Amino acid sequence: MLVMENKELQHEEELKPTFAVHPKKFLLWLFIVTIVMMFAAMTSAYLVRSTDGDWLKFDLPNTFLVSTAVIILSSITLQGAYWAAQNNNRQMLIAGMGITVVLGVVFLVLQYEGLFIDLFKQGVFLGGEYSNPAGSFVYVLALLHGFHLVTGLIYLLIVFYSSVKGKVGSSDLLQIEMCTTYWHFLDLLWIYLFVFLQLNN
């Protein structure tokens, strides 16, 4: 009788739905939430500080608009690479990831040009005697996002190497799924920052 009850309990436990998240995915989402909170705090500080009378008004560089288009395109190519991995299309997987890496580098180059060439021409600097809090906020937000994008590029290169070695496919999607999630997040984060700065600059 006791054996039967134990079997019934075991059967009930097996029928219970499990909502376990892979530990690596959990850590990734925890990292993303941390970044969201940090940028939310910084943009809130931006709004509070902008109410002071010494706030400088200036136009955002046109290169920021171009870089926004580039990072959106990079998300599309990486999503294509993910779909290729699901279908075990190794050629499309490698091509999609390779193009995404190139677009990521192009984005960083455009950001550098926008910050340290275009803004300099407008007299907007990060620090020093002639700096203004408005310009400093733009630099800090863009550079901080750029830093996280560099980490995304490093992750992309690691997954790209695994793809070349044939370690990424429909039977093992964890790496590219996490990489795609993080990259899409960085894409959305920059779009948010770009729109925020356009509306509040």
Protein backbone atom coordinates (compact mmCIF):
# COMPACT_ATOMS: atom_id res chain seq x y z
CA MET A 1 0.00 0.00 0.00
CA LEU A 2 2.82 2.37 0.94
CA VAL A 3 4.64 1.52 -2.28
CA MET A 4 1.53 2.36 -4.32
CA GLU A 5 1.15 5.71 -2.55
CA ASN A 6 4.78 6.55 -3.22
CA LYS A 7 4.35 5.71 -6.89
CA GLU A 8 1.24 7.92 -7.09
CA LEU A 9 3.11 10.81 -5.47
CA GLN A 10 6.01 10.33 -7.84
CA HIS A 11 3.63 10.30 -10.81
CA GLU A 12 2.00 13.52 -9.59
CA GLU A 13 5.42 15.19 -9.29
CA GLU A 14 6.25 14.17 -12.86
CA LEU A 15 2.99 15.68 -14.12
CA LYS A 16 3.63 19.05 -12.47
CA PRO A 17 4.77 21.66 -15.02
CA THR A 18 8.31 22.93 -14.58
CA PHE A 19 9.23 26.54 -15.21
CA ALA A 20 12.97 26.21 -14.71
CA VAL A 21 15.12 28.71 -16.60
CA HIS A 22 18.60 27.80 -17.76
CA PRO A 23 21.09 29.30 -15.25
CA LYS A 24 22.99 31.11 -18.02
CA LYS A 25 19.77 32.63 -19.37
CA PHE A 26 18.81 33.72 -15.89
CA LEU A 27 22.16 35.45 -15.40
CA LEU A 28 21.81 37.16 -18.79
CA TRP A 29 18.36 38.52 -17.95
CA LEU A 30 19.60 39.63 -14.53
CA PHE A 31 22.44 41.48 -16.26
CA ILE A 32 19.99 43.09 -18.70
CA VAL A 33 17.70 44.23 -15.86
CA THR A 34 20.74 45.77 -14.13
CA ILE A 35 21.64 47.71 -17.28
CA VAL A 36 18.03 48.88 -17.71
CA MET A 37 17.97 50.19 -14.15
CA MET A 38 21.28 52.00 -14.64
CA PHE A 39 20.18 53.75 -17.83
CA ALA A 40 16.76 54.54 -16.34
CA ALA A 41 18.51 56.27 -13.45
CA MET A 42 20.80 58.18 -15.79
CA THR A 43 18.03 59.40 -18.09
CA SER A 44 15.99 60.42 -15.03
CA ALA A 45 18.99 62.42 -13.80
CA TYR A 46 19.23 63.96 -17.28
CA LEU A 47 15.63 65.20 -17.06
CA VAL A 48 16.11 66.62 -13.58
CA ARG A 49 19.38 68.38 -14.49
CA SER A 50 17.95 69.79 -17.73
CA THR A 51 15.56 72.01 -15.77
CA ASP A 52 18.49 74.20 -14.69
CA GLY A 53 19.04 77.41 -16.63
CA ASP A 54 22.55 76.61 -17.90
CA TRP A 55 21.41 73.70 -20.11
CA LEU A 56 23.02 73.87 -23.56
CA LYS A 57 20.84 73.28 -26.64
CA PHE A 58 22.51 71.64 -29.63
CA ASP A 59 21.69 69.30 -32.51
CA LEU A 60 22.54 65.63 -32.29
CA PRO A 61 24.98 64.54 -35.02
CA ASN A 62 23.43 63.10 -38.20
CA THR A 63 25.83 60.18 -37.78
CA PHE A 64 23.73 59.10 -34.78
CA LEU A 65 20.77 58.61 -37.12
CA VAL A 66 22.92 56.60 -39.53
CA SER A 67 24.33 54.50 -36.68
CA THR A 68 20.77 53.81 -35.51
CA ALA A 69 19.89 52.42 -38.94
CA VAL A 70 23.09 50.33 -38.87
CA ILE A 71 22.37 48.73 -35.50
CA ILE A 72 18.78 47.94 -36.53
CA LEU A 73 20.13 46.24 -39.65
CA SER A 74 22.59 44.29 -37.49
CA SER A 75 19.72 42.93 -35.41
CA ILE A 76 18.01 41.76 -38.59
CA THR A 77 21.13 39.95 -39.83
CA LEU A 78 21.70 38.31 -36.44
CA GLN A 79 18.07 37.17 -36.28
CA GLY A 80 18.57 35.66 -39.73
CA ALA A 81 21.65 33.85 -38.42
CA TYR A 82 19.61 32.49 -35.51
CA TRP A 83 16.93 31.17 -37.88
CA ALA A 84 19.68 29.62 -40.01
CA ALA A 85 21.02 27.84 -36.91
CA GLN A 86 17.55 26.47 -36.20
CA ASN A 87 17.48 25.02 -39.73
CA ASN A 88 21.10 23.80 -39.59
CA ASN A 89 22.00 26.10 -42.48
CA ARG A 90 25.66 26.58 -41.58
CA GLN A 91 26.53 28.84 -44.52
CA MET A 92 23.75 31.33 -43.76
CA LEU A 93 24.56 31.13 -40.05
CA ILE A 94 28.22 32.05 -40.57
CA ALA A 95 27.36 34.74 -43.15
CA GLY A 96 24.71 36.30 -40.91
CA MET A 97 26.99 36.40 -37.89
CA GLY A 98 29.92 37.72 -39.93
CA ILE A 99 27.82 40.57 -41.35
CA THR A 100 26.52 41.36 -37.85
CA VAL A 101 30.07 41.67 -36.52
CA VAL A 102 30.99 44.05 -39.37
CA LEU A 103 27.86 46.15 -38.78
CA GLY A 104 28.63 46.28 -35.05
CA VAL A 105 32.10 47.68 -35.80
CA VAL A 106 30.60 50.19 -38.27
CA PHE A 107 28.17 51.32 -35.54
CA LEU A 108 31.05 51.97 -33.13
CA VAL A 109 32.99 53.91 -35.77
CA LEU A 110 29.95 56.08 -36.49
CA GLN A 111 29.44 56.69 -32.78
CA TYR A 112 33.06 57.77 -32.44
CA GLU A 113 32.68 60.12 -35.40
CA GLY A 114 29.47 61.58 -33.99
CA LEU A 115 30.93 62.15 -30.54
CA PHE A 116 34.51 63.21 -31.15
CA ILE A 117 34.24 64.90 -34.55
CA ASP A 118 30.70 66.19 -35.14
CA LEU A 119 30.01 67.30 -31.56
CA PHE A 120 33.47 68.84 -31.30
CA LYS A 121 32.64 70.98 -34.34
CA GLN A 122 29.58 72.29 -32.47
CA GLY A 123 31.72 73.14 -29.44
CA VAL A 124 30.23 70.33 -27.34
CA PHE A 125 32.84 68.63 -25.17
CA LEU A 126 32.94 65.89 -22.55
CA GLY A 127 34.82 67.81 -19.90
CA GLY A 128 36.99 70.82 -19.27
CA GLU A 129 36.50 74.55 -19.03
CA TYR A 130 34.13 74.78 -22.01
CA SER A 131 32.01 71.72 -21.28
CA ASN A 132 28.31 71.77 -20.41
CA PRO A 133 26.23 69.19 -18.47
CA ALA A 134 24.01 68.67 -21.54
CA GLY A 135 26.94 67.60 -23.68
CA SER A 136 28.51 65.57 -20.89
CA PHE A 137 25.30 63.55 -20.50
CA VAL A 138 25.25 62.75 -24.23
CA TYR A 139 28.87 61.60 -24.11
CA VAL A 140 28.39 59.46 -21.02
CA LEU A 141 25.19 57.80 -22.29
CA ALA A 142 26.66 57.08 -25.74
CA LEU A 143 30.01 55.87 -24.38
CA LEU A 144 28.39 53.66 -21.77
CA HIS A 145 26.17 52.10 -24.42
CA GLY A 146 29.23 51.73 -26.65
CA PHE A 147 31.04 49.87 -23.87
CA HIS A 148 28.19 47.39 -23.57
CA LEU A 149 28.12 47.02 -27.35
CA VAL A 150 31.81 46.09 -27.26
CA THR A 151 30.94 43.31 -24.80
CA GLY A 152 28.22 42.24 -27.23
CA LEU A 153 30.76 42.17 -30.07
CA ILE A 154 33.11 40.02 -28.01
CA TYR A 155 30.24 37.61 -27.33
CA LEU A 156 29.36 37.66 -31.04
CA LEU A 157 32.92 36.73 -31.98
CA ILE A 158 32.91 33.84 -29.50
CA VAL A 159 29.65 32.46 -30.94
CA PHE A 160 30.89 33.15 -34.48
CA TYR A 161 33.98 31.02 -33.75
CA SER A 162 31.75 28.24 -32.37
CA SER A 163 29.62 28.46 -35.53
CA VAL A 164 32.67 28.09 -37.77
CA LYS A 165 33.69 25.05 -35.71
CA GLY A 166 30.23 23.55 -36.27
CA LYS A 167 29.25 23.72 -32.59
CA VAL A 168 26.10 25.79 -33.18
CA GLY A 169 22.99 24.24 -34.69
CA SER A 170 19.44 23.11 -34.05
CA SER A 171 20.65 20.67 -31.37
CA ASP A 172 22.53 23.39 -29.47
CA LEU A 173 20.97 26.86 -29.75
CA LEU A 174 21.77 28.18 -26.27
CA GLN A 175 24.84 30.23 -27.26
CA ILE A 176 23.33 31.95 -30.28
CA GLU A 177 19.95 32.41 -28.56
CA MET A 178 21.57 34.25 -25.65
CA CYS A 179 23.79 36.24 -28.00
CA THR A 180 20.80 37.26 -30.13
CA THR A 181 18.79 38.27 -27.06
CA TYR A 182 21.61 40.45 -25.74
CA TRP A 183 22.24 42.06 -29.13
CA HIS A 184 18.54 42.85 -29.66
CA PHE A 185 18.50 44.39 -26.19
CA LEU A 186 21.47 46.63 -27.05
CA ASP A 187 19.69 47.60 -30.27
CA LEU A 188 16.51 48.59 -28.41
CA LEU A 189 18.54 50.38 -25.74
CA TRP A 190 20.25 52.58 -28.31
CA ILE A 191 16.93 53.34 -30.07
CA TYR A 192 15.52 54.39 -26.69
CA LEU A 193 18.53 56.62 -25.98
CA PHE A 194 18.47 58.15 -29.45
CA VAL A 195 14.75 58.99 -29.28
CA PHE A 196 15.11 60.21 -25.68
CA LEU A 197 17.96 62.57 -26.60
CA GLN A 198 16.13 63.83 -29.69
CA LEU A 199 13.03 64.67 -27.67
CA ASN A 200 14.78 66.11 -24.64
CA ASN A 201 17.87 67.82 -26.02
